[in-house]
Amino acid sequence: MRLAVQFVASIIVATAAEAGPPFVTDDPETPPLHGWEINIPITLERESREQTLETPLFDINYGYRENVQLKIEFSLLNVRLDDGQTERGLSDTSVGVKWRFLEEGPGLPQMAIYPQVTLPTGDDRRGLGDGKPSYRFPLVAQKSWGPWTVFGNIAAVLQGTTGSRNFWYQGLTVVREISRRLEIGVEEYGNSPTDRDERSSLGYNLGGTWKAADSMNVLFSAGRIVHGEQATTVYLGIQLLVGGSGANAE
């Protein structure tokens, strides 16, 4: 039972660690210089026998330079199994640095690398963490044409937990600006097997961003993992944009 809780919790933490809110796929944009982008959502992943809530998740990003972002992310987990048992507590913590090394231009996309480490701050004895660190090495890119934006990533993940395996993941998102306040997007994402006894996964999301104020956005998405550990996913939260100069990153 503990292993089942740990498996579900690790999927949620791993997915959120790569999120370009409200999507799983990340993008190469960064907050403005000395600006903050703080995402505070509630997320849900429901499988046939388990349900995991992040209530809430804290995704805090800082514009260290015009093309460099510092990040820390953690959540409060609430995991319920089919037998009614519930585990609650702090998740593992992800820290990372995003460096955009190529700016978008005619015929060129934005590109960045986004190395991250997940620290074992969750209680692995209760299934709320992995007990050992893991390391992620994403390459992300983005290109825009008028109201359309396409971004994607591919990454290698190195894990040290017993029974786990190193894996690859990828994602691709297409977003369209509907109005000055609303963007809608669709996403495909997936990964190779993360454990020795698991299959690869594939999922889809539909979501968007609604600009509620100059310094606050409402983020929302919902989707389905259709291959591997099938599940329904929901993301609903706010994004606070504080300080800095220039355009805010999404």
Protein backbone atom coordinates (compact mmCIF):
# COMPACT_ATOMS: atom_id res chain seq x y z
CA MET A 1 0.00 0.00 0.00
CA ARG A 2 2.81 2.43 0.88
CA LEU A 3 4.39 1.77 -2.51
CA ALA A 4 1.10 2.55 -4.24
CA VAL A 5 0.86 5.90 -2.41
CA GLN A 6 4.48 6.68 -3.28
CA PHE A 7 3.91 5.84 -6.94
CA VAL A 8 0.90 8.15 -7.28
CA ALA A 9 2.60 10.97 -5.38
CA SER A 10 5.79 10.70 -7.42
CA ILE A 11 3.81 10.98 -10.69
CA ILE A 12 2.13 14.19 -9.49
CA VAL A 13 5.40 15.73 -8.30
CA ALA A 14 7.25 14.72 -11.46
CA THR A 15 4.51 16.13 -13.68
CA ALA A 16 4.27 19.40 -11.82
CA ALA A 17 8.02 19.89 -11.84
CA GLU A 18 7.92 20.32 -15.58
CA ALA A 19 4.81 22.34 -15.80
CA GLY A 20 4.63 25.51 -18.01
CA PRO A 21 1.49 26.55 -16.14
CA PRO A 22 -1.17 25.42 -16.70
CA PHE A 23 0.42 22.80 -18.98
CA VAL A 24 2.82 19.93 -18.30
CA THR A 25 5.08 21.07 -21.16
CA ASP A 26 7.47 23.89 -20.31
CA ASP A 27 8.49 26.88 -22.43
CA PRO A 28 11.73 28.93 -22.63
CA GLU A 29 10.21 32.21 -21.38
CA THR A 30 11.43 33.71 -18.08
CA PRO A 31 10.08 36.39 -15.70
CA PRO A 32 11.34 39.93 -16.32
CA LEU A 33 14.57 41.02 -14.66
CA HIS A 34 14.11 40.98 -10.85
CA GLY A 35 10.45 40.05 -11.35
CA TRP A 36 8.52 37.24 -9.68
CA GLU A 37 6.09 34.75 -11.23
CA ILE A 38 4.24 32.87 -8.48
CA ASN A 39 1.83 30.11 -9.49
CA ILE A 40 -0.52 28.78 -6.80
CA PRO A 41 -2.83 26.09 -8.19
CA ILE A 42 -4.78 23.17 -6.83
CA THR A 43 -4.17 20.07 -8.94
CA LEU A 44 -6.00 16.76 -9.09
CA GLU A 45 -5.05 13.40 -10.57
CA ARG A 46 -7.66 10.66 -10.33
CA GLU A 47 -7.07 7.06 -11.33
CA SER A 48 -9.51 4.17 -11.06
CA ARG A 49 -8.49 3.39 -7.47
CA GLU A 50 -6.49 6.41 -6.24
CA GLN A 51 -6.84 10.17 -6.03
CA THR A 52 -4.08 12.70 -5.43
CA LEU A 53 -4.59 16.37 -4.63
CA GLU A 54 -1.95 19.07 -4.37
CA THR A 55 -3.68 21.53 -2.03
CA PRO A 56 -2.04 23.78 -2.99
CA LEU A 57 1.12 23.69 -5.07
CA PHE A 58 3.64 26.55 -4.79
CA ASP A 59 5.63 27.26 -7.97
CA ILE A 60 7.88 30.30 -7.33
CA ASN A 61 10.05 31.76 -10.11
CA TYR A 62 12.44 34.73 -10.07
CA GLY A 63 14.01 36.65 -12.97
CA TYR A 64 17.65 36.57 -11.90
CA ARG A 65 18.74 37.93 -15.28
CA GLU A 66 16.82 38.90 -18.41
CA ASN A 67 17.28 35.35 -19.72
CA VAL A 68 17.81 33.39 -16.47
CA GLN A 69 15.07 32.12 -14.14
CA LEU A 70 15.48 30.62 -10.67
CA LYS A 71 12.76 28.25 -9.49
CA ILE A 72 11.55 26.43 -6.39
CA GLU A 73 8.45 24.24 -6.28
CA PHE A 74 6.74 22.15 -3.61
CA SER A 75 3.21 21.21 -2.60
CA LEU A 76 1.01 19.87 0.15
CA LEU A 77 -0.08 16.38 -0.91
CA ASN A 78 -3.35 14.66 -0.08
CA VAL A 79 -3.40 11.07 -1.38
CA ARG A 80 -6.47 8.83 -0.97
CA LEU A 81 -6.48 5.14 -1.88
CA ASP A 82 -9.46 2.92 -2.70
CA ASP A 83 -9.47 1.45 0.82
CA GLY A 84 -10.11 4.91 2.28
CA GLN A 85 -6.64 5.45 3.70
CA THR A 86 -5.36 9.00 3.25
CA GLU A 87 -1.81 10.34 3.51
CA ARG A 88 -1.16 14.07 3.89
CA GLY A 89 2.05 16.06 4.04
CA LEU A 90 4.78 17.98 2.28
CA SER A 91 5.97 16.76 -1.12
CA ASP A 92 9.51 16.58 -2.40
CA THR A 93 10.93 19.96 -3.48
CA SER A 94 12.13 20.86 -6.98
CA VAL A 95 14.75 23.59 -7.57
CA GLY A 96 16.10 24.61 -10.96
CA VAL A 97 17.66 27.21 -13.24
CA LYS A 98 16.31 28.07 -16.69
CA TRP A 99 18.80 29.66 -19.11
CA ARG A 100 17.47 30.93 -22.43
CA PHE A 101 20.51 30.82 -24.71
CA LEU A 102 18.77 31.65 -28.00
CA GLU A 103 16.28 34.47 -28.64
CA GLU A 104 13.49 34.16 -31.18
CA GLY A 105 14.08 35.75 -34.56
CA PRO A 106 13.16 35.33 -38.23
CA GLY A 107 13.42 31.61 -38.82
CA LEU A 108 14.76 30.99 -35.29
CA PRO A 109 12.96 29.76 -32.17
CA GLN A 110 13.61 30.67 -28.56
CA MET A 111 15.59 27.89 -26.87
CA ALA A 112 16.62 27.20 -23.28
CA ILE A 113 17.98 24.54 -20.99
CA TYR A 114 16.28 23.97 -17.64
CA PRO A 115 18.27 21.65 -15.31
CA GLN A 116 16.47 20.77 -12.07
CA VAL A 117 16.99 18.62 -9.01
CA THR A 118 14.19 17.17 -6.88
CA LEU A 119 15.17 17.09 -3.21
CA PRO A 120 13.71 14.40 -0.89
CA THR A 121 11.82 16.70 1.49
CA GLY A 122 8.69 14.51 1.51
CA ASP A 123 8.29 11.61 3.97
CA ASP A 124 9.11 8.54 1.87
CA ARG A 125 8.06 6.23 4.75
CA ARG A 126 4.49 7.52 4.25
CA GLY A 127 4.75 7.47 0.46
CA LEU A 128 4.94 11.27 0.11
CA GLY A 129 8.38 11.35 -1.48
CA ASP A 130 11.05 9.28 -3.15
CA GLY A 131 13.64 9.32 -0.35
CA LYS A 132 16.43 10.13 -2.81
CA PRO A 133 17.10 13.03 -5.19
CA SER A 134 16.41 12.91 -8.92
CA TYR A 135 17.82 15.07 -11.73
CA ARG A 136 16.17 16.51 -14.86
CA PHE A 137 17.81 17.95 -17.95
CA PRO A 138 15.19 19.51 -20.27
CA LEU A 139 15.78 21.27 -23.58
CA VAL A 140 12.87 23.62 -24.41
CA ALA A 141 11.98 25.63 -27.52
CA GLN A 142 9.25 28.01 -28.69
CA LYS A 143 8.14 29.78 -31.91
CA SER A 144 5.32 32.28 -32.49
CA TRP A 145 3.38 33.27 -35.63
CA GLY A 146 0.85 36.06 -35.08
CA PRO A 147 -1.70 34.83 -32.49
CA TRP A 148 -0.23 31.29 -32.52
CA THR A 149 2.56 29.98 -30.28
CA VAL A 150 4.09 26.49 -30.31
CA PHE A 151 6.43 25.28 -27.57
CA GLY A 152 7.87 21.92 -26.63
CA ASN A 153 10.48 20.11 -24.57
CA ILE A 154 12.45 16.91 -24.41
CA ALA A 155 14.37 15.79 -21.33
CA ALA A 156 16.31 13.04 -19.63
CA VAL A 157 15.53 12.18 -15.99
CA LEU A 158 17.98 10.38 -13.70
CA GLN A 159 16.44 8.61 -10.68
CA GLY A 160 18.05 6.90 -7.71
CA THR A 161 15.04 5.31 -5.99
CA THR A 162 15.05 1.51 -5.71
CA GLY A 163 12.88 -0.02 -8.44
CA SER A 164 12.87 3.13 -10.56
CA ARG A 165 14.63 3.64 -13.86
CA ASN A 166 16.00 6.59 -15.79
CA PHE A 167 13.60 7.82 -18.46
CA TRP A 168 12.86 10.34 -21.21
CA TYR A 169 9.87 12.63 -21.45
CA GLN A 170 8.53 15.00 -24.10
CA GLY A 171 5.73 17.49 -24.60
CA LEU A 172 4.28 19.74 -27.29
CA THR A 173 1.74 22.55 -26.82
CA VAL A 174 -0.07 24.80 -29.33
CA VAL A 175 -1.60 28.02 -27.93
CA ARG A 176 -3.77 30.64 -29.64
CA GLU A 177 -4.51 34.15 -28.39
CA ILE A 178 -8.30 34.48 -28.53
CA SER A 179 -8.44 38.03 -27.17
CA ARG A 180 -6.30 40.44 -25.19
CA ARG A 181 -7.31 38.61 -22.01
CA LEU A 182 -7.70 34.98 -23.10
CA GLU A 183 -5.38 32.30 -24.50
CA ILE A 184 -6.42 28.69 -25.19
CA GLY A 185 -4.10 25.77 -25.89
CA VAL A 186 -3.96 22.03 -26.48
CA GLU A 187 -1.11 19.78 -25.35
CA GLU A 188 0.33 16.30 -25.91
CA TYR A 189 2.90 14.85 -23.50
CA GLY A 190 4.39 11.52 -22.46
CA ASN A 191 7.36 9.61 -21.12
CA SER A 192 9.15 6.29 -21.33
CA PRO A 193 8.69 3.87 -18.36
CA THR A 194 9.66 5.41 -15.02
CA ASP A 195 9.71 2.10 -13.11
CA ARG A 196 10.82 -1.40 -14.05
CA ASP A 197 7.27 -2.77 -14.00
CA GLU A 198 5.54 0.19 -15.67
CA ARG A 199 4.68 1.10 -19.27
CA SER A 200 5.33 4.35 -21.09
CA SER A 201 2.62 7.01 -20.75
CA LEU A 202 0.82 9.42 -23.09
CA GLY A 203 -1.56 12.22 -22.14
CA TYR A 204 -3.47 15.21 -23.50
CA ASN A 205 -4.61 18.51 -22.01
CA LEU A 206 -6.85 21.40 -22.97
CA GLY A 207 -6.32 24.63 -21.04
CA GLY A 208 -5.65 28.31 -21.05
CA THR A 209 -4.90 31.59 -19.32
CA TRP A 210 -7.36 34.36 -18.51
CA LYS A 211 -5.88 37.76 -17.63
CA ALA A 212 -7.91 38.87 -14.62
CA ALA A 213 -5.72 41.93 -13.87
CA ASP A 214 -2.40 43.43 -14.90
CA SER A 215 -0.60 41.41 -12.22
CA MET A 216 -2.82 38.32 -11.96
CA ASN A 217 -3.83 35.54 -14.34
CA VAL A 218 -6.22 32.64 -13.84
CA LEU A 219 -4.75 29.33 -15.07
CA PHE A 220 -6.83 26.28 -15.96
CA SER A 221 -6.48 22.95 -17.74
CA ALA A 222 -7.98 19.47 -17.76
CA GLY A 223 -6.97 16.31 -19.57
CA ARG A 224 -6.54 12.60 -19.66
CA ILE A 225 -3.59 10.21 -19.52
CA VAL A 226 -4.72 7.64 -22.09
CA HIS A 227 -1.77 5.22 -22.14
CA GLY A 228 0.03 3.70 -19.17
CA GLU A 229 -1.46 4.56 -15.77
CA GLN A 230 -4.69 6.07 -17.12
CA ALA A 231 -5.93 9.07 -15.15
CA THR A 232 -7.92 12.28 -15.30
CA THR A 233 -6.01 15.48 -14.49
CA VAL A 234 -7.24 18.96 -13.47
CA TYR A 235 -5.28 22.18 -12.84
CA LEU A 236 -6.86 25.40 -11.50
CA GLY A 237 -4.95 28.27 -9.96
CA ILE A 238 -3.76 31.84 -10.01
CA GLN A 239 -0.54 33.34 -11.31
CA LEU A 240 0.83 36.45 -9.57
CA LEU A 241 3.28 38.70 -11.45
CA VAL A 242 5.26 40.95 -9.11
CA GLY A 243 7.96 43.53 -9.81
CA GLY A 244 10.47 43.48 -12.63
CA SER A 245 10.32 45.31 -15.94
CA GLY A 246 9.31 44.45 -19.50
CA ALA A 247 6.84 41.80 -20.61
CA ASN A 248 5.79 39.16 -18.14
CA ALA A 249 6.45 35.51 -18.91
CA GLU A 250 3.54 33.14 -19.13
